[in-house]
C-alpha atoms as a PDB file:
ATOM      1  CA  GLY A   1     105.583 132.709  68.459  1.00  0.00           C
ATOM      2  CA  ALA A   2     107.738 131.937  65.450  1.00  0.00           C
ATOM      3  CA  ILE A   3     107.538 130.875  61.793  1.00  0.00           C
ATOM      4  CA  GLY A   4     109.944 128.247  60.460  1.00  0.00           C
ATOM      5  CA  ILE A   5     110.780 126.562  57.294  1.00  0.00           C
ATOM      6  CA  ASN A   6     112.186 123.071  57.170  1.00  0.00           C
ATOM      7  CA  VAL A   7     113.916 121.900  53.939  1.00  0.00           C
ATOM      8  CA  SER A   8     114.674 118.198  53.748  1.00  0.00           C
ATOM      9  CA  THR A   9     115.278 115.284  51.352  1.00  0.00           C
ATOM     10  CA  TYR A  10     112.252 113.385  52.306  1.00  0.00           C
ATOM     11  CA  MET A  11     111.266 110.644  49.665  1.00  0.00           C
ATOM     12  CA  TRP A  12     114.192 111.924  47.585  1.00  0.00           C
ATOM     13  CA  ASP A  13     116.232 109.661  45.169  1.00  0.00           C
ATOM     14  CA  LEU A  14     119.445 110.602  43.319  1.00  0.00           C
ATOM     15  CA  ILE A  15     118.784 109.981  39.656  1.00  0.00           C
ATOM     16  CA  ILE A  16     122.043 109.743  37.605  1.00  0.00           C
ATOM     17  CA  PRO A  17     121.499 109.839  33.730  1.00  0.00           C
ATOM     18  CA  VAL A  18     124.230 107.367  32.974  1.00  0.00           C
ATOM     19  CA  GLU A  19     124.936 103.933  34.347  1.00  0.00           C
ATOM     20  CA  VAL A  20     128.222 103.712  36.243  1.00  0.00           C
ATOM     21  CA  GLU A  21     129.726 100.423  37.271  1.00  0.00           C
ATOM     22  CA  VAL A  22     132.694 100.069  39.723  1.00  0.00           C
ATOM     23  CA  ASP A  23     133.874  96.682  40.978  1.00  0.00           C
ATOM     24  CA  ALA A  24     135.094  97.730  44.426  1.00  0.00           C
ATOM     25  CA  ALA A  25     135.970  94.104  45.341  1.00  0.00           C
ATOM     26  CA  ASN A  26     137.550  94.211  48.782  1.00  0.00           C
ATOM     27  CA  ILE A  27     137.985  97.906  48.854  1.00  0.00           C
ATOM     28  CA  GLY A  28     136.670  99.585  52.011  1.00  0.00           C
ATOM     29  CA  GLY A  29     136.932 102.732  53.765  1.00  0.00           C
ATOM     30  CA  SER A  30     137.342 106.360  52.645  1.00  0.00           C
ATOM     31  CA  SER A  31     140.878 106.243  51.348  1.00  0.00           C
ATOM     32  CA  ALA A  32     139.768 105.084  48.084  1.00  0.00           C
ATOM     33  CA  GLY A  33     137.680 108.284  47.538  1.00  0.00           C
ATOM     34  CA  LEU A  34     140.163 109.960  45.033  1.00  0.00           C
ATOM     35  CA  MET A  35     140.377 106.779  42.924  1.00  0.00           C
ATOM     36  CA  LEU A  36     136.818 105.992  42.983  1.00  0.00           C
ATOM     37  CA  THR A  37     136.008 109.523  41.902  1.00  0.00           C
ATOM     38  CA  LEU A  38     138.448 109.353  38.967  1.00  0.00           C
ATOM     39  CA  GLU A  39     137.043 105.971  37.945  1.00  0.00           C
ATOM     40  CA  ILE A  40     133.531 107.336  37.868  1.00  0.00           C
ATOM     41  CA  MET A  41     134.677 110.361  35.939  1.00  0.00           C
ATOM     42  CA  ASP A  42     136.469 108.191  33.401  1.00  0.00           C
ATOM     43  CA  GLN A  43     133.350 106.202  32.863  1.00  0.00           C
ATOM     44  CA  ILE A  44     131.153 109.250  32.178  1.00  0.00           C
ATOM     45  CA  ASP A  45     133.699 111.103  30.072  1.00  0.00           C
ATOM     46  CA  ALA A  46     134.262 109.986  26.416  1.00  0.00           C
ATOM     47  CA  ARG A  47     137.986 110.708  26.743  1.00  0.00           C
ATOM     48  CA  ASP A  48     140.275 108.144  28.330  1.00  0.00           C
ATOM     49  CA  LEU A  49     141.524 109.929  31.476  1.00  0.00           C
ATOM     50  CA  THR A  50     144.497 107.613  31.915  1.00  0.00           C
ATOM     51  CA  HIS A  51     145.798 107.628  28.328  1.00  0.00           C
ATOM     52  CA  GLY A  52     146.554 103.969  28.651  1.00  0.00           C
ATOM     53  CA  LYS A  53     148.708 104.316  31.689  1.00  0.00           C
ATOM     54  CA  LEU A  54     148.037 102.239  34.735  1.00  0.00           C
ATOM     55  CA  ILE A  55     147.290 104.847  37.553  1.00  0.00           C
ATOM     56  CA  ALA A  56     147.189 103.783  41.277  1.00  0.00           C
ATOM     57  CA  GLY A  57     146.671 106.067  44.171  1.00  0.00           C
ATOM     58  CA  SER A  58     145.006 106.779  47.534  1.00  0.00           C
ATOM     59  CA  GLY A  59     143.277 109.650  49.307  1.00  0.00           C
ATOM     60  CA  THR A  60     140.039 110.649  50.779  1.00  0.00           C
ATOM     61  CA  ILE A  61     138.053 113.238  48.901  1.00  0.00           C
ATOM     62  CA  ASP A  62     135.503 115.814  50.320  1.00  0.00           C
ATOM     63  CA  ILE A  63     132.519 117.535  48.699  1.00  0.00           C
ATOM     64  CA  GLU A  64     134.860 120.483  47.638  1.00  0.00           C
ATOM     65  CA  GLY A  65     137.261 118.063  45.833  1.00  0.00           C
ATOM     66  CA  ARG A  66     140.075 118.314  48.441  1.00  0.00           C
ATOM     67  CA  VAL A  67     142.182 115.276  48.802  1.00  0.00           C
ATOM     68  CA  GLY A  68     143.031 114.182  52.336  1.00  0.00           C
ATOM     69  CA  ALA A  69     145.465 111.942  54.169  1.00  0.00           C
ATOM     70  CA  ILE A  70     145.190 108.300  54.489  1.00  0.00           C
ATOM     71  CA  GLY A  71     146.872 105.534  56.641  1.00  0.00           C
ATOM     72  CA  GLY A  72     149.194 102.695  55.359  1.00  0.00           C
ATOM     73  CA  VAL A  73     150.925 104.738  52.772  1.00  0.00           C
ATOM     74  CA  ARG A  74     153.890 102.352  52.581  1.00  0.00           C
ATOM     75  CA  GLN A  75     151.776  99.393  51.937  1.00  0.00           C
ATOM     76  CA  LYS A  76     149.646 101.058  49.399  1.00  0.00           C
ATOM     77  CA  VAL A  77     152.731 102.267  47.531  1.00  0.00           C
ATOM     78  CA  MET A  78     154.122  98.676  47.574  1.00  0.00           C
ATOM     79  CA  GLY A  79     150.803  97.355  46.322  1.00  0.00           C
ATOM     80  CA  ALA A  80     150.854  99.828  43.369  1.00  0.00           C
ATOM     81  CA  ILE A  81     154.399  98.700  42.457  1.00  0.00           C
ATOM     82  CA  ALA A  82     153.505  94.975  42.711  1.00  0.00           C
ATOM     83  CA  SER A  83     150.579  95.858  40.444  1.00  0.00           C
ATOM     84  CA  GLY A  84     152.788  97.325  37.767  1.00  0.00           C
ATOM     85  CA  ALA A  85     151.370 100.800  38.044  1.00  0.00           C
ATOM     86  CA  ASP A  86     153.020 103.588  36.303  1.00  0.00           C
ATOM     87  CA  TYR A  87     152.086 106.410  38.698  1.00  0.00           C
ATOM     88  CA  PHE A  88     150.876 106.696  42.300  1.00  0.00           C
ATOM     89  CA  LEU A  89     148.620 109.571  43.101  1.00  0.00           C
ATOM     90  CA  ILE A  90     148.724 110.673  46.855  1.00  0.00           C
ATOM     91  CA  ALA A  91     147.514 113.424  49.104  1.00  0.00           C
ATOM     92  CA  SER A  92     149.925 116.288  49.684  1.00  0.00           C
ATOM     93  CA  SER A  93     150.010 115.382  53.457  1.00  0.00           C
ATOM     94  CA  ASN A  94     151.284 111.806  52.646  1.00  0.00           C
ATOM     95  CA  TYR A  95     153.528 112.704  49.679  1.00  0.00           C
ATOM     96  CA  ALA A  96     156.988 112.434  51.708  1.00  0.00           C
ATOM     97  CA  ASP A  97     156.097 109.139  53.136  1.00  0.00           C
ATOM     98  CA  ALA A  98     154.987 107.820  49.619  1.00  0.00           C
ATOM     99  CA  VAL A  99     158.199 109.041  47.915  1.00  0.00           C
ATOM    100  CA  ALA A 100     160.399 107.370  50.754  1.00  0.00           C
ATOM    101  CA  ALA A 101     158.389 104.121  50.086  1.00  0.00           C
ATOM    102  CA  ALA A 102     158.533 104.285  46.438  1.00  0.00           C
ATOM    103  CA  GLY A 103     162.256 104.800  45.844  1.00  0.00           C
ATOM    104  CA  ASN A 104     162.776 104.776  42.216  1.00  0.00           C
ATOM    105  CA  LYS A 105     160.210 102.078  41.518  1.00  0.00           C
ATOM    106  CA  ILE A 106     157.206 104.208  40.718  1.00  0.00           C
ATOM    107  CA  VAL A 107     156.471 107.881  40.042  1.00  0.00           C
ATOM    108  CA  VAL A 108     154.653 109.502  43.008  1.00  0.00           C
ATOM    109  CA  VAL A 109     152.437 112.508  42.226  1.00  0.00           C
ATOM    110  CA  GLU A 110     151.438 114.941  44.866  1.00  0.00           C
ATOM    111  CA  ILE A 111     147.692 115.694  44.657  1.00  0.00           C
ATOM    112  CA  ALA A 112     145.974 118.532  46.766  1.00  0.00           C
ATOM    113  CA  ASN A 113     142.562 118.309  45.132  1.00  0.00           C
ATOM    114  CA  LEU A 114     140.626 116.711  42.266  1.00  0.00           C
ATOM    115  CA  LEU A 115     141.711 119.428  39.856  1.00  0.00           C
ATOM    116  CA  ASP A 116     145.447 118.591  40.418  1.00  0.00           C
ATOM    117  CA  ALA A 117     144.609 115.050  39.502  1.00  0.00           C
ATOM    118  CA  LEU A 118     142.695 115.798  36.353  1.00  0.00           C
ATOM    119  CA  ASN A 119     145.482 118.318  35.373  1.00  0.00           C
ATOM    120  CA  PHE A 120     148.073 115.640  35.818  1.00  0.00           C
ATOM    121  CA  LEU A 121     146.092 112.996  33.875  1.00  0.00           C
ATOM    122  CA  GLU A 122     145.467 115.527  31.101  1.00  0.00           C
ATOM    123  CA  GLU A 123     149.263 116.111  30.841  1.00  0.00           C
ATOM    124  CA  LEU A 124     149.802 112.418  30.147  1.00  0.00           C
ATOM    125  CA  GLY A 125     148.026 112.682  26.900  1.00  0.00           C
END
């Protein structure tokens, strides 16, 4: 015989105390994880995380806040430049490719985790 305990989320709903609105338009896939996370944080925090700067970037994000590699780095950097972004945040594992694609047209910032991104944005202010 055995005794077991089963814990589940049956009939569970996530309740967020604030309304968050993100227009993801044609964005799909996990490579927008970092930027979507920062946008949500910007909306729920009274401070302006970007300090008026146009911030672009790409990277997956996991539950621990680690930022992971993405594909299409060159195209994403070129899109950020074409959009007039001031900075491009990118996962450490994609940093060299992003710098090569950027030349001197945009500042590329290496991000290993969410805290790196938040620290960088705080330094802008």
